[in-house]
């Protein structure tokens, strides 16, 4: 298994935490990650739409969403 790029991990963490990402800056620094960055941008858009929904986890006092990740084969 290949270790993911540390920059990509920081971007993914920012997306997961709802923090802003300088997409152009990251793409300029790491052009080889263009495909992965586009995918993370889509995830960011989905997360923003979810957080904007009334009654979403972002509106509650709950700070942690618990889930059990599944394995992809």
C-alpha atoms as a PDB file:
ATOM      1  CA  UNK A   1       0.000   0.000   0.000  1.00  0.00           C
ATOM      2  CA  UNK A   2       1.278   3.445  -0.937  1.00  0.00           C
ATOM      3  CA  UNK A   3       1.323   6.114   1.769  1.00  0.00           C
ATOM      4  CA  UNK A   4      -0.822   9.103   0.815  1.00  0.00           C
ATOM      5  CA  UNK A   5       0.832  12.452   0.261  1.00  0.00           C
ATOM      6  CA  UNK A   6       0.950  14.476   3.527  1.00  0.00           C
ATOM      7  CA  UNK A   7      -0.407  17.558   1.718  1.00  0.00           C
ATOM      8  CA  UNK A   8      -3.365  15.525   0.466  1.00  0.00           C
ATOM      9  CA  UNK A   9      -4.032  14.297   4.003  1.00  0.00           C
ATOM     10  CA  UNK A  10      -4.052  17.870   5.330  1.00  0.00           C
ATOM     11  CA  UNK A  11      -6.524  18.889   2.620  1.00  0.00           C
ATOM     12  CA  UNK A  12      -8.750  15.890   3.412  1.00  0.00           C
ATOM     13  CA  UNK A  13      -8.668  16.776   7.124  1.00  0.00           C
ATOM     14  CA  UNK A  14      -9.641  20.367   6.342  1.00  0.00           C
ATOM     15  CA  UNK A  15     -12.552  19.170   4.204  1.00  0.00           C
ATOM     16  CA  UNK A  16     -13.693  16.794   6.954  1.00  0.00           C
ATOM     17  CA  UNK A  17     -13.480  19.567   9.560  1.00  0.00           C
ATOM     18  CA  UNK A  18     -15.265  22.118   7.381  1.00  0.00           C
ATOM     19  CA  UNK A  19     -12.235  24.390   7.189  1.00  0.00           C
ATOM     20  CA  UNK A  20     -11.573  26.390   3.995  1.00  0.00           C
ATOM     21  CA  UNK A  21      -9.074  25.034   1.470  1.00  0.00           C
ATOM     22  CA  UNK A  22      -6.974  27.084  -0.954  1.00  0.00           C
ATOM     23  CA  UNK A  23      -7.668  24.775  -3.883  1.00  0.00           C
ATOM     24  CA  UNK A  24      -5.702  26.806  -6.441  1.00  0.00           C
ATOM     25  CA  UNK A  25      -2.732  27.062  -4.113  1.00  0.00           C
ATOM     26  CA  UNK A  26      -2.649  23.355  -3.381  1.00  0.00           C
ATOM     27  CA  UNK A  27      -3.100  22.489  -7.069  1.00  0.00           C
ATOM     28  CA  UNK A  28      -0.214  24.801  -7.986  1.00  0.00           C
ATOM     29  CA  UNK A  29       2.037  23.205  -5.355  1.00  0.00           C
ATOM     30  CA  UNK A  30       1.052  19.632  -6.159  1.00  0.00           C
ATOM     31  CA  UNK A  31      -0.126  19.319  -9.791  1.00  0.00           C
ATOM     32  CA  UNK A  32       0.334  15.534  -9.614  1.00  0.00           C
ATOM     33  CA  UNK A  33      -2.588  15.415  -7.147  1.00  0.00           C
ATOM     34  CA  UNK A  34      -5.074  17.082  -9.523  1.00  0.00           C
ATOM     35  CA  UNK A  35      -7.385  14.046  -9.771  1.00  0.00           C
ATOM     36  CA  UNK A  36      -7.510  13.494  -6.018  1.00  0.00           C
ATOM     37  CA  UNK A  37      -8.019  17.208  -5.365  1.00  0.00           C
ATOM     38  CA  UNK A  38     -10.999  17.322  -7.757  1.00  0.00           C
ATOM     39  CA  UNK A  39     -12.550  14.425  -5.874  1.00  0.00           C
ATOM     40  CA  UNK A  40     -12.004  16.152  -2.531  1.00  0.00           C
ATOM     41  CA  UNK A  41     -13.603  19.309  -3.919  1.00  0.00           C
ATOM     42  CA  UNK A  42     -16.739  17.302  -4.763  1.00  0.00           C
ATOM     43  CA  UNK A  43     -16.748  15.863  -1.267  1.00  0.00           C
ATOM     44  CA  UNK A  44     -16.371  19.379   0.135  1.00  0.00           C
ATOM     45  CA  UNK A  45     -19.379  20.559  -1.889  1.00  0.00           C
ATOM     46  CA  UNK A  46     -21.488  17.641  -0.678  1.00  0.00           C
ATOM     47  CA  UNK A  47     -20.460  18.294   2.924  1.00  0.00           C
ATOM     48  CA  UNK A  48     -21.280  21.996   2.600  1.00  0.00           C
ATOM     49  CA  UNK A  49     -24.721  21.160   1.219  1.00  0.00           C
ATOM     50  CA  UNK A  50     -25.324  18.701   4.056  1.00  0.00           C
ATOM     51  CA  UNK A  51     -24.193  21.182   6.696  1.00  0.00           C
ATOM     52  CA  UNK A  52     -26.556  23.786   5.233  1.00  0.00           C
ATOM     53  CA  UNK A  53     -29.599  21.547   5.742  1.00  0.00           C
ATOM     54  CA  UNK A  54     -31.846  22.461   8.671  1.00  0.00           C
ATOM     55  CA  UNK A  55     -31.521  19.908  11.442  1.00  0.00           C
ATOM     56  CA  UNK A  56     -28.141  18.646  10.249  1.00  0.00           C
ATOM     57  CA  UNK A  57     -25.440  17.568  12.685  1.00  0.00           C
ATOM     58  CA  UNK A  58     -23.892  21.011  12.243  1.00  0.00           C
ATOM     59  CA  UNK A  59     -27.021  22.536  13.839  1.00  0.00           C
ATOM     60  CA  UNK A  60     -27.043  20.199  16.830  1.00  0.00           C
ATOM     61  CA  UNK A  61     -24.893  20.025  19.934  1.00  0.00           C
ATOM     62  CA  UNK A  62     -23.434  16.764  18.672  1.00  0.00           C
ATOM     63  CA  UNK A  63     -19.789  17.287  17.767  1.00  0.00           C
ATOM     64  CA  UNK A  64     -18.880  13.800  16.664  1.00  0.00           C
ATOM     65  CA  UNK A  65     -20.573  11.650  14.082  1.00  0.00           C
ATOM     66  CA  UNK A  66     -19.871   8.017  14.773  1.00  0.00           C
ATOM     67  CA  UNK A  67     -19.824   5.509  11.972  1.00  0.00           C
ATOM     68  CA  UNK A  68     -18.230   2.249  11.157  1.00  0.00           C
ATOM     69  CA  UNK A  69     -16.297   2.404   7.910  1.00  0.00           C
ATOM     70  CA  UNK A  70     -16.813  -0.521   5.594  1.00  0.00           C
ATOM     71  CA  UNK A  71     -14.083  -2.268   3.710  1.00  0.00           C
ATOM     72  CA  UNK A  72     -13.981  -1.952  -0.027  1.00  0.00           C
ATOM     73  CA  UNK A  73     -12.682  -4.933  -1.932  1.00  0.00           C
END
